[in-house]
Protein backbone atom coordinates (compact mmCIF):
# COMPACT_ATOMS: atom_id res chain seq x y z
CA MET A 1 62.95 39.50 -62.43
CA ILE A 2 65.91 40.43 -60.57
CA ARG A 3 67.47 38.90 -57.63
CA ASP A 4 70.07 40.87 -55.49
CA ASN A 5 70.54 40.02 -51.66
CA CYS A 6 68.00 37.68 -51.44
CA SER A 7 66.06 40.42 -52.47
CA THR A 8 63.03 40.12 -55.20
CA VAL A 9 62.82 43.62 -57.01
CA ARG A 10 60.46 43.90 -60.14
CA SER A 11 61.68 44.91 -63.28
CA GLN A 12 60.44 47.99 -64.57
CA ARG A 13 60.42 49.56 -67.77
CA VAL A 14 63.65 52.02 -68.55
CA ILE A 15 62.60 54.97 -69.93
CA ASP A 16 65.45 56.81 -72.40
CA THR A 17 63.16 59.38 -73.20
CA PRO A 18 62.47 62.70 -71.69
CA TYR A 19 58.15 62.31 -70.31
CA TRP A 20 57.57 66.03 -71.46
CA TRP A 21 57.65 64.24 -74.72
CA GLU A 22 54.73 62.59 -73.74
CA ALA A 23 52.53 65.98 -74.18
CA ALA A 24 54.44 66.82 -77.75
CA PRO A 25 56.65 64.13 -79.05
CA PRO A 26 58.88 65.19 -81.97
CA GLN A 27 57.64 65.79 -85.23
CA THR A 28 59.28 64.80 -88.11
CA ARG A 29 58.01 67.01 -91.15
CA ASP A 30 58.68 65.00 -95.15
CA GLY A 31 58.11 66.09 -98.64
CA ALA A 32 59.37 67.35 -101.55
CA LEU A 33 61.39 69.84 -100.73
CA PRO A 34 61.00 73.43 -102.54
CA ALA A 35 63.00 74.38 -105.73
CA ASN A 36 64.46 77.93 -104.39
CA VAL A 37 64.05 79.42 -100.62
CA ASP A 38 64.97 82.68 -99.39
CA VAL A 39 66.81 81.23 -96.50
CA LEU A 40 68.00 77.66 -95.65
CA ILE A 41 68.28 77.21 -92.14
CA VAL A 42 70.09 73.95 -90.70
CA GLY A 43 68.88 72.75 -87.18
CA SER A 44 65.59 72.98 -85.71
CA GLY A 45 66.24 73.73 -82.23
CA PHE A 46 64.91 77.20 -80.58
CA THR A 47 67.65 79.69 -82.69
CA GLY A 48 66.60 77.72 -85.32
CA LEU A 49 62.56 78.13 -84.98
CA SER A 50 62.81 81.56 -83.72
CA ALA A 51 64.86 82.74 -86.47
CA ALA A 52 62.67 81.05 -89.48
CA LEU A 53 59.16 81.99 -87.60
CA THR A 54 60.93 85.74 -87.40
CA LEU A 55 61.89 85.53 -91.40
CA VAL A 56 58.19 83.83 -92.06
CA ARG A 57 56.90 87.09 -90.68
CA GLY A 58 58.67 89.66 -92.30
CA ASP A 59 57.72 87.55 -95.92
CA ARG A 60 60.67 85.75 -96.62
CA SER A 61 60.50 81.85 -97.66
CA VAL A 62 62.30 79.39 -95.34
CA LEU A 63 63.26 75.86 -95.12
CA VAL A 64 64.20 74.26 -92.21
CA CYS A 65 66.21 71.43 -91.89
CA ASP A 66 67.38 68.74 -89.53
CA ALA A 67 69.22 65.37 -89.17
CA ARG A 68 66.69 64.47 -86.44
CA GLU A 69 62.77 65.30 -85.72
CA ILE A 70 62.28 69.13 -85.24
CA GLY A 71 63.61 69.83 -81.82
CA TYR A 72 65.05 66.09 -81.28
CA GLY A 73 67.95 67.89 -78.93
CA ALA A 74 69.08 69.93 -76.29
CA SER A 75 65.78 72.21 -76.87
CA THR A 76 63.59 69.72 -75.80
CA ARG A 77 65.74 67.49 -73.70
CA ASN A 78 66.06 70.48 -71.15
CA GLY A 79 64.07 71.55 -67.88
CA GLY A 80 61.92 74.94 -69.44
CA HIS A 81 63.80 76.85 -66.46
CA ILE A 82 64.29 80.45 -68.10
CA SER A 83 66.18 82.87 -66.68
CA ALA A 84 68.01 86.86 -67.49
CA LYS A 85 70.93 85.96 -65.24
CA MET A 86 74.39 84.63 -66.76
CA ARG A 87 76.48 81.66 -65.84
CA ARG A 88 79.52 83.69 -66.17
CA ALA A 89 79.86 86.48 -63.26
CA LEU A 90 79.65 90.32 -64.30
CA ALA A 91 82.86 90.87 -62.49
CA SER A 92 84.52 87.81 -64.21
CA ILE A 93 83.30 89.03 -67.65
CA ALA A 94 84.80 92.65 -66.56
CA ALA A 95 88.09 91.31 -65.73
CA GLU A 96 88.80 90.10 -68.77
CA HIS A 97 87.11 92.65 -71.16
CA GLY A 98 85.90 95.47 -69.14
CA ALA A 99 82.34 96.92 -67.26
CA ALA A 100 80.62 97.81 -70.79
CA THR A 101 81.30 94.97 -72.37
CA ALA A 102 80.04 92.81 -69.13
CA GLU A 103 77.44 95.34 -68.93
CA ALA A 104 76.39 94.52 -72.56
CA ALA A 105 76.51 90.71 -72.83
CA TRP A 106 74.68 90.50 -69.58
CA LEU A 107 71.92 92.78 -70.67
CA VAL A 108 71.53 90.40 -74.16
CA ALA A 109 70.68 87.87 -71.27
CA THR A 110 68.21 89.83 -69.99
CA SER A 111 67.18 91.44 -72.96
CA SER A 112 66.58 87.35 -74.66
CA ARG A 113 64.24 86.61 -71.53
CA ALA A 114 62.10 89.32 -72.64
CA TYR A 115 62.02 88.17 -76.52
CA LEU A 116 60.88 84.39 -75.41
CA GLU A 117 57.76 85.83 -73.36
CA ARG A 118 57.29 88.40 -75.69
CA LEU A 119 57.09 85.60 -78.89
CA ILE A 120 55.18 82.86 -76.94
CA ARG A 121 52.51 85.78 -76.08
CA GLN A 122 52.58 87.01 -79.85
CA GLU A 123 52.35 83.51 -81.54
CA THR A 124 49.92 82.57 -78.70
CA ILE A 125 51.97 78.80 -78.51
CA ASP A 126 50.38 76.92 -75.97
CA CYS A 127 53.81 76.08 -73.85
CA ASP A 128 52.50 76.26 -70.16
CA PHE A 129 54.89 79.42 -69.79
CA ARG A 130 54.39 81.04 -66.51
CA THR A 131 56.64 83.19 -64.60
CA CYS A 132 57.98 82.30 -61.01
CA ALA A 133 60.71 82.74 -58.89
CA ARG A 134 63.83 80.92 -58.25
CA PHE A 135 65.55 80.46 -54.91
CA TYR A 136 69.33 80.07 -55.08
CA GLY A 137 70.83 78.78 -51.32
CA ALA A 138 74.15 80.13 -50.02
CA HIS A 139 75.40 76.64 -48.31
CA ARG A 140 78.11 78.80 -46.44
CA PRO A 141 77.45 82.07 -44.35
CA SER A 142 80.27 83.26 -46.55
CA ASP A 143 78.07 82.40 -49.75
CA TYR A 144 75.46 84.70 -48.69
CA GLU A 145 77.64 87.81 -48.18
CA SER A 146 78.96 86.84 -51.86
CA LEU A 147 75.36 86.02 -53.18
CA ALA A 148 73.91 89.70 -51.62
CA GLN A 149 76.68 91.65 -52.98
CA THR A 150 75.74 89.86 -56.25
CA ALA A 151 72.02 90.79 -55.96
CA ARG A 152 72.70 94.54 -55.38
CA THR A 153 75.37 95.16 -57.74
CA LEU A 154 73.18 93.31 -60.62
CA ASN A 155 69.71 95.22 -59.47
CA LEU A 156 71.91 98.49 -59.53
CA ARG A 157 73.64 97.81 -62.66
CA ILE A 158 71.45 95.52 -64.90
CA GLY A 159 68.16 96.29 -63.57
CA LEU A 160 67.39 92.40 -62.06
CA ASP A 161 64.84 91.92 -59.32
CA LEU A 162 66.69 89.75 -57.18
CA GLU A 163 66.39 89.75 -53.44
CA PRO A 164 68.87 88.57 -51.02
CA VAL A 165 66.92 86.18 -48.41
CA PRO A 166 68.70 85.81 -44.68
CA LYS A 167 68.70 82.91 -43.53
CA GLY A 168 65.91 84.06 -41.13
CA GLU A 169 63.62 84.50 -43.61
CA GLN A 170 64.35 82.01 -45.66
CA HIS A 171 61.02 79.94 -44.60
CA ARG A 172 59.06 81.88 -46.79
CA TYR A 173 60.46 80.20 -50.17
CA VAL A 174 62.15 77.06 -48.73
CA GLN A 175 61.02 74.96 -46.30
CA THR A 176 64.61 74.22 -44.75
CA ASP A 177 67.53 75.05 -42.36
CA ALA A 178 70.19 73.45 -44.93
CA TYR A 179 71.29 76.84 -46.01
CA HIS A 180 72.53 80.07 -44.75
CA GLY A 181 69.74 82.37 -46.78
CA GLY A 182 69.86 82.75 -50.13
CA LEU A 183 69.22 84.80 -53.22
CA VAL A 184 65.47 84.98 -54.68
CA ASP A 185 65.37 85.91 -58.57
CA ARG A 186 61.70 87.22 -59.53
CA GLY A 187 62.15 87.80 -63.18
CA ALA A 188 62.73 84.05 -63.80
CA ALA A 189 60.12 81.58 -65.75
CA ALA A 190 59.19 78.30 -67.17
CA PHE A 191 57.53 76.65 -69.76
CA HIS A 192 57.29 73.25 -71.61
CA PRO A 193 60.31 73.16 -73.72
CA ALA A 194 58.42 70.25 -76.28
CA LYS A 195 55.06 72.08 -76.71
CA ASP A 196 57.43 75.14 -77.17
CA SER A 197 59.59 73.74 -80.24
CA ALA A 198 56.22 72.05 -81.54
CA GLY A 199 54.01 75.54 -81.41
CA GLU A 200 56.69 77.06 -83.48
CA PRO A 201 56.10 75.26 -86.95
CA ASN A 202 52.36 74.33 -86.15
CA ARG A 203 52.03 78.52 -86.14
CA ARG A 204 54.21 79.15 -89.53
CA ALA A 205 51.94 75.82 -91.27
């Protein structure tokens, strides 16, 4: 029991692992190591597992090693949101490396989003994948103008499905007046990260 300011609060169990591990606890695969493999991959996150799956489908023998359980790190601890957008703005990259390099970098993000969906569907990985829309709210009127310009640029140059939403129409997406409009990304998706990590090695088994 914890007493604070003369009030009594019931002690509660502290949960220090992601709740989505309940549906897909990290797995350990023990056993004798093969004498020879074509490719050794160190790290069983999304990148390591998808690389291993691609190599196996190409008739290569692959061994994936990790210091912890499969997908123990960020790959099963994230929120499961998928987007074709990059954090760094197109104009910011172009200012340092040129417009062609900036667009190429953004197109890599777009193709990565498409690749992940294709992989999940082709391999029939049960990870609750679904497409969805994401709303980015503008905290100030000037922020909305910036978001609207960003949408117009990315729609034209990268081919993303982004919609500027003025404040008078934002209730179509969010039930609040706290924002000054916003941006809707219709190319977003969501999935269960731990189930995806569990599903990929199961497909290879």
